[in-house]
Amino acid sequence: MKKSCVFLWVLFFALQTGLVFAGIEWQTKSVFKSGEKETNYILSHLYAQGGNVREEFVEMGKKSDPNRKEGGYWIYKSGTNMVIVVDPEEKTYMEVDMDKILQMGGAIAKLMKITITNPSVEVSKIGSEVLGKYKCDHYLIKTSYDIETKVAFIKSKNHVEEIKEIWATNDIPSMELAGGFKNKSFKTGMEDIDRLIEKEMQAQRDMGFVLKSITTQKNTDKKGKVETNITETNVIDITFKNISDELFKVPAGYKKIDFTSPEE
């Protein structure tokens, strides 16, 4: 389990959802690196209208994630905290409650006796730039915390530092966040983690449509060994158009797969 797995779900969602009222179509490419070595990439094609979003996974460097398969897609429904994971190859879909995902993470963290101390989140605006034809505000979010994990007789302690650069624009008509997602608290049940999640989400809530982001995370263990992971995401090929509501629905005849937590 990655030291910051609980945050990755939230940060991935926050990064992808520059949600919009007007119809818009765009692509994103996310590149993942461990140190200087590229480890994976994801090319996505997205559609959004009326607060609904469809994210199609067009191409992936590694195909180990069953929920993000090439040819598959996710639907974010306006006014809910639900993500629908659709697999056209298997003709199945799964409804995932984001609160439940975080509660599962919190339950796992408690089982593993994960403790967060010294949490800090700093947000600053460091200037304005033009990306393509869009004027963007350039933000810097610095997050740090100490994380201690105990599993049976194994104990580890790490210091985590994360620097996220965000280039966001208000030139693309956007909602702050879609419906229920904007106002959800996303509680894991672990106070230290929940405070960090809330600070992260609050920091990004009013930034506008994210055109580019670079996240650098450094994990330092108690022996001083540093592991660095970098994620860079760029938005390309933005077009405005009317989008069929059918894109935000699960096709008829698809079988629903139940999502269950370990507690159920």
Protein backbone atom coordinates (compact mmCIF):
# COMPACT_ATOMS: atom_id res chain seq x y z
CA MET A 1 0.00 0.00 0.00
CA LYS A 2 1.41 3.39 -0.97
CA LYS A 3 2.00 5.69 1.96
CA SER A 4 -0.37 8.32 0.59
CA CYS A 5 -2.94 6.06 -1.11
CA VAL A 6 -5.88 7.75 0.61
CA PHE A 7 -4.91 11.10 -0.87
CA LEU A 8 -4.32 9.81 -4.39
CA TRP A 9 -8.01 9.05 -4.95
CA VAL A 10 -8.96 12.56 -3.93
CA LEU A 11 -6.14 14.30 -5.77
CA PHE A 12 -6.74 12.35 -8.96
CA PHE A 13 -10.42 13.29 -8.83
CA ALA A 14 -9.75 16.94 -8.01
CA LEU A 15 -7.27 17.16 -10.86
CA GLN A 16 -9.60 15.71 -13.46
CA THR A 17 -12.77 17.59 -12.59
CA GLY A 18 -12.61 21.07 -14.01
CA LEU A 19 -16.32 20.58 -14.63
CA VAL A 20 -18.47 22.72 -16.86
CA PHE A 21 -22.03 23.82 -17.63
CA ALA A 22 -21.47 24.38 -21.37
CA GLY A 23 -20.63 21.41 -23.57
CA ILE A 24 -16.90 20.88 -23.85
CA GLU A 25 -14.65 18.14 -25.19
CA TRP A 26 -10.95 17.78 -24.46
CA GLN A 27 -8.06 15.39 -23.95
CA THR A 28 -5.55 14.99 -21.15
CA LYS A 29 -2.23 13.21 -21.02
CA SER A 30 -0.86 12.26 -17.61
CA VAL A 31 2.74 11.07 -17.32
CA PHE A 32 3.99 9.34 -14.18
CA LYS A 33 7.66 9.21 -13.19
CA SER A 34 9.66 7.61 -10.43
CA GLY A 35 12.69 9.84 -10.14
CA GLU A 36 13.71 10.55 -13.73
CA LYS A 37 12.25 7.30 -15.12
CA GLU A 38 8.81 7.31 -16.73
CA THR A 39 6.73 4.51 -15.24
CA ASN A 40 3.35 4.97 -16.90
CA TYR A 41 1.09 7.33 -18.82
CA ILE A 42 -2.62 7.71 -19.45
CA LEU A 43 -4.24 9.45 -22.42
CA SER A 44 -7.87 10.33 -21.70
CA HIS A 45 -10.68 11.80 -23.80
CA LEU A 46 -13.26 13.76 -21.82
CA TYR A 47 -16.71 15.23 -22.38
CA ALA A 48 -18.62 17.49 -20.00
CA GLN A 49 -21.99 19.18 -20.03
CA GLY A 50 -24.42 20.32 -17.34
CA GLY A 51 -22.01 19.18 -14.63
CA ASN A 52 -21.78 15.62 -15.98
CA VAL A 53 -18.41 14.29 -17.10
CA ARG A 54 -17.35 11.26 -19.12
CA GLU A 55 -13.70 10.25 -19.10
CA GLU A 56 -12.63 7.66 -21.67
CA PHE A 57 -9.29 5.87 -21.26
CA VAL A 58 -7.83 5.94 -24.77
CA GLU A 59 -4.31 4.71 -24.19
CA MET A 60 -2.31 3.51 -21.21
CA GLY A 61 1.36 2.69 -20.87
CA LYS A 62 0.59 -0.10 -18.41
CA LYS A 63 -2.67 -1.99 -18.34
CA SER A 64 -2.61 -3.27 -14.74
CA ASP A 65 -5.56 -1.22 -13.44
CA PRO A 66 -8.83 -3.13 -14.00
CA ASN A 67 -10.92 0.00 -13.44
CA ARG A 68 -9.04 2.12 -15.98
CA LYS A 69 -8.85 -0.12 -19.02
CA GLU A 70 -8.21 1.06 -22.55
CA GLY A 71 -11.64 1.46 -24.13
CA GLY A 72 -13.33 1.77 -20.75
CA TYR A 73 -14.67 4.96 -19.21
CA TRP A 74 -15.88 6.66 -16.04
CA ILE A 75 -19.00 8.79 -15.70
CA TYR A 76 -19.18 11.51 -13.03
CA LYS A 77 -22.84 12.37 -12.37
CA SER A 78 -23.82 15.92 -11.47
CA GLY A 79 -25.43 16.38 -8.08
CA THR A 80 -24.09 13.08 -6.68
CA ASN A 81 -20.86 11.79 -5.23
CA MET A 82 -21.04 8.75 -7.50
CA VAL A 83 -18.56 7.59 -10.15
CA ILE A 84 -19.77 4.95 -12.61
CA VAL A 85 -17.00 2.67 -13.91
CA VAL A 86 -18.03 1.21 -17.30
CA ASP A 87 -16.38 -1.73 -19.08
CA PRO A 88 -17.72 -1.96 -22.67
CA GLU A 89 -15.68 -5.09 -23.35
CA GLU A 90 -17.41 -7.01 -20.56
CA LYS A 91 -20.63 -4.98 -20.88
CA THR A 92 -20.62 -4.29 -17.15
CA TYR A 93 -20.65 -1.24 -14.90
CA MET A 94 -20.03 -0.46 -11.24
CA GLU A 95 -21.30 2.46 -9.18
CA VAL A 96 -18.64 3.72 -6.78
CA ASP A 97 -19.49 6.05 -3.92
CA MET A 98 -16.53 8.37 -3.33
CA ASP A 99 -17.33 8.58 0.38
CA LYS A 100 -17.23 4.80 0.58
CA ILE A 101 -13.86 4.69 -1.16
CA LEU A 102 -12.40 7.06 1.42
CA GLN A 103 -14.06 5.22 4.28
CA MET A 104 -12.47 2.02 3.02
CA GLY A 105 -9.13 3.81 2.94
CA GLY A 106 -9.73 4.98 6.48
CA ALA A 107 -10.66 1.46 7.61
CA ILE A 108 -7.50 0.05 6.04
CA ALA A 109 -5.46 2.82 7.63
CA LYS A 110 -6.90 1.92 11.04
CA LEU A 111 -6.17 -1.77 10.53
CA MET A 112 -2.61 -0.88 9.59
CA LYS A 113 -2.44 1.63 12.46
CA ILE A 114 -1.52 4.57 10.26
CA THR A 115 -0.93 7.81 12.12
CA ILE A 116 -0.53 11.27 10.54
CA THR A 117 1.29 14.01 12.44
CA ASN A 118 2.58 17.51 11.69
CA PRO A 119 0.20 18.11 8.74
CA SER A 120 0.70 21.34 6.79
CA VAL A 121 -0.85 22.82 3.62
CA GLU A 122 0.35 26.11 2.12
CA VAL A 123 -1.22 27.73 -0.96
CA SER A 124 0.21 30.63 -2.94
CA LYS A 125 -0.40 32.30 -6.28
CA ILE A 126 2.95 32.82 -7.99
CA GLY A 127 1.91 34.64 -11.14
CA SER A 128 -0.01 34.50 -14.42
CA GLU A 129 0.93 32.83 -17.69
CA VAL A 130 -0.65 32.08 -21.06
CA LEU A 131 -1.04 28.43 -22.08
CA GLY A 132 -2.15 28.20 -25.69
CA LYS A 133 -4.72 30.96 -25.97
CA TYR A 134 -5.83 30.89 -22.33
CA LYS A 135 -4.64 33.18 -19.56
CA CYS A 136 -3.87 31.09 -16.50
CA ASP A 137 -3.17 31.75 -12.85
CA HIS A 138 -0.16 29.80 -11.63
CA TYR A 139 -0.58 28.32 -8.14
CA LEU A 140 1.69 26.43 -5.78
CA ILE A 141 0.35 24.05 -3.14
CA LYS A 142 2.84 22.67 -0.61
CA THR A 143 1.71 19.79 1.57
CA SER A 144 3.76 17.93 4.17
CA TYR A 145 3.16 15.46 6.96
CA ASP A 146 4.75 12.61 8.90
CA ILE A 147 3.18 9.18 8.52
CA GLU A 148 3.77 6.23 10.81
CA THR A 149 2.57 2.72 9.91
CA LYS A 150 2.43 -0.36 12.12
CA VAL A 151 1.59 -3.77 10.64
CA ALA A 152 2.06 -6.68 13.06
CA PHE A 153 5.67 -6.31 14.21
CA ILE A 154 6.69 -4.11 11.28
CA LYS A 155 6.91 -0.41 11.91
CA SER A 156 7.79 2.35 9.45
CA LYS A 157 7.92 6.11 9.60
CA ASN A 158 8.12 8.48 6.63
CA HIS A 159 8.11 12.18 6.02
CA VAL A 160 6.07 13.20 2.97
CA GLU A 161 6.50 16.44 1.07
CA GLU A 162 4.34 17.25 -1.92
CA ILE A 163 4.60 20.24 -4.21
CA LYS A 164 1.79 20.73 -6.71
CA GLU A 165 1.99 23.39 -9.42
CA ILE A 166 -1.33 24.23 -11.07
CA TRP A 167 -2.07 26.38 -14.10
CA ALA A 168 -5.81 27.15 -14.11
CA THR A 169 -7.95 29.45 -16.23
CA ASN A 170 -11.27 31.22 -15.82
CA ASP A 171 -11.50 31.78 -19.60
CA ILE A 172 -13.22 28.40 -19.96
CA PRO A 173 -16.77 28.60 -18.52
CA SER A 174 -16.76 26.23 -15.59
CA MET A 175 -18.55 25.27 -12.45
CA GLU A 176 -16.60 25.38 -9.22
CA LEU A 177 -17.14 21.64 -8.89
CA ALA A 178 -20.00 19.43 -10.02
CA GLY A 179 -23.08 19.33 -7.82
CA GLY A 180 -22.63 17.09 -4.82
CA PHE A 181 -18.86 16.77 -5.21
CA LYS A 182 -18.33 20.44 -4.45
CA ASN A 183 -20.10 20.25 -1.13
CA LYS A 184 -19.09 16.77 0.00
CA SER A 185 -16.73 16.52 2.93
CA PHE A 186 -15.20 13.17 1.87
CA LYS A 187 -14.57 11.83 5.34
CA THR A 188 -12.36 8.81 6.00
CA GLY A 189 -13.07 8.79 9.72
CA MET A 190 -9.43 9.62 10.51
CA GLU A 191 -9.25 13.20 11.74
CA ASP A 192 -5.66 13.93 10.67
CA ILE A 193 -6.23 12.60 7.15
CA ASP A 194 -9.61 14.33 6.85
CA ARG A 195 -8.11 17.69 7.74
CA LEU A 196 -5.49 17.33 5.01
CA ILE A 197 -8.09 16.25 2.45
CA GLU A 198 -10.29 19.24 3.29
CA LYS A 199 -7.38 21.65 3.01
CA GLU A 200 -6.32 20.17 -0.35
CA MET A 201 -9.85 20.35 -1.75
CA GLN A 202 -10.49 23.83 -0.42
CA ALA A 203 -7.26 25.05 -1.99
CA GLN A 204 -8.30 23.86 -5.47
CA ARG A 205 -12.04 24.52 -5.25
CA ASP A 206 -12.07 27.98 -6.80
CA MET A 207 -9.09 27.88 -9.14
CA GLY A 208 -11.03 27.36 -12.37
CA PHE A 209 -10.35 24.90 -15.18
CA VAL A 210 -6.96 23.19 -14.72
CA LEU A 211 -4.96 23.16 -17.96
CA LYS A 212 -1.72 21.83 -16.51
CA SER A 213 -0.45 20.42 -13.25
CA ILE A 214 2.83 19.02 -12.00
CA THR A 215 2.87 17.14 -8.71
CA THR A 216 6.17 16.16 -7.10
CA GLN A 217 5.98 13.94 -4.04
CA LYS A 218 9.00 13.01 -1.93
CA ASN A 219 8.83 10.23 0.65
CA THR A 220 11.75 10.14 3.09
CA ASP A 221 12.09 7.10 5.35
CA LYS A 222 13.67 7.05 8.80
CA LYS A 223 17.04 6.11 7.28
CA GLY A 224 16.98 9.18 5.03
CA LYS A 225 16.26 7.32 1.79
CA VAL A 226 14.19 9.50 -0.56
CA GLU A 227 11.66 8.20 -3.09
CA THR A 228 10.46 10.81 -5.60
CA ASN A 229 7.32 10.44 -7.73
CA ILE A 230 6.22 13.01 -10.31
CA THR A 231 2.90 13.30 -12.14
CA GLU A 232 2.42 15.80 -14.97
CA THR A 233 -0.95 16.31 -16.62
CA ASN A 234 -1.63 18.52 -19.64
CA VAL A 235 -4.95 19.37 -21.29
CA ILE A 236 -5.03 19.46 -25.10
CA ASP A 237 -7.50 19.84 -27.98
CA ILE A 238 -10.28 21.77 -26.22
CA THR A 239 -13.47 22.27 -28.23
CA PHE A 240 -16.93 23.62 -27.30
CA LYS A 241 -19.99 21.79 -28.59
CA ASN A 242 -23.39 20.38 -27.67
CA ILE A 243 -22.96 16.89 -26.29
CA SER A 244 -25.54 14.14 -26.34
CA ASP A 245 -26.93 13.20 -22.93
CA GLU A 246 -26.52 9.55 -23.96
CA LEU A 247 -22.77 9.86 -23.38
CA PHE A 248 -23.45 10.25 -19.67
CA LYS A 249 -25.63 7.16 -19.40
CA VAL A 250 -24.78 3.48 -19.08
CA PRO A 251 -25.84 1.64 -22.28
CA ALA A 252 -28.94 -0.51 -22.01
CA GLY A 253 -28.29 -4.17 -21.29
CA TYR A 254 -25.07 -3.68 -19.31
CA LYS A 255 -24.83 -5.77 -16.12
CA LYS A 256 -24.34 -3.97 -12.82
CA ILE A 257 -21.53 -5.23 -10.60
CA ASP A 258 -21.95 -4.43 -6.93
CA PHE A 259 -19.27 -2.43 -5.18
CA THR A 260 -18.72 -3.69 -1.64
CA SER A 261 -16.37 -2.67 1.10
CA PRO A 262 -14.42 -5.09 3.32
CA GLU A 263 -16.88 -4.36 6.11
CA GLU A 264 -19.87 -5.63 4.13
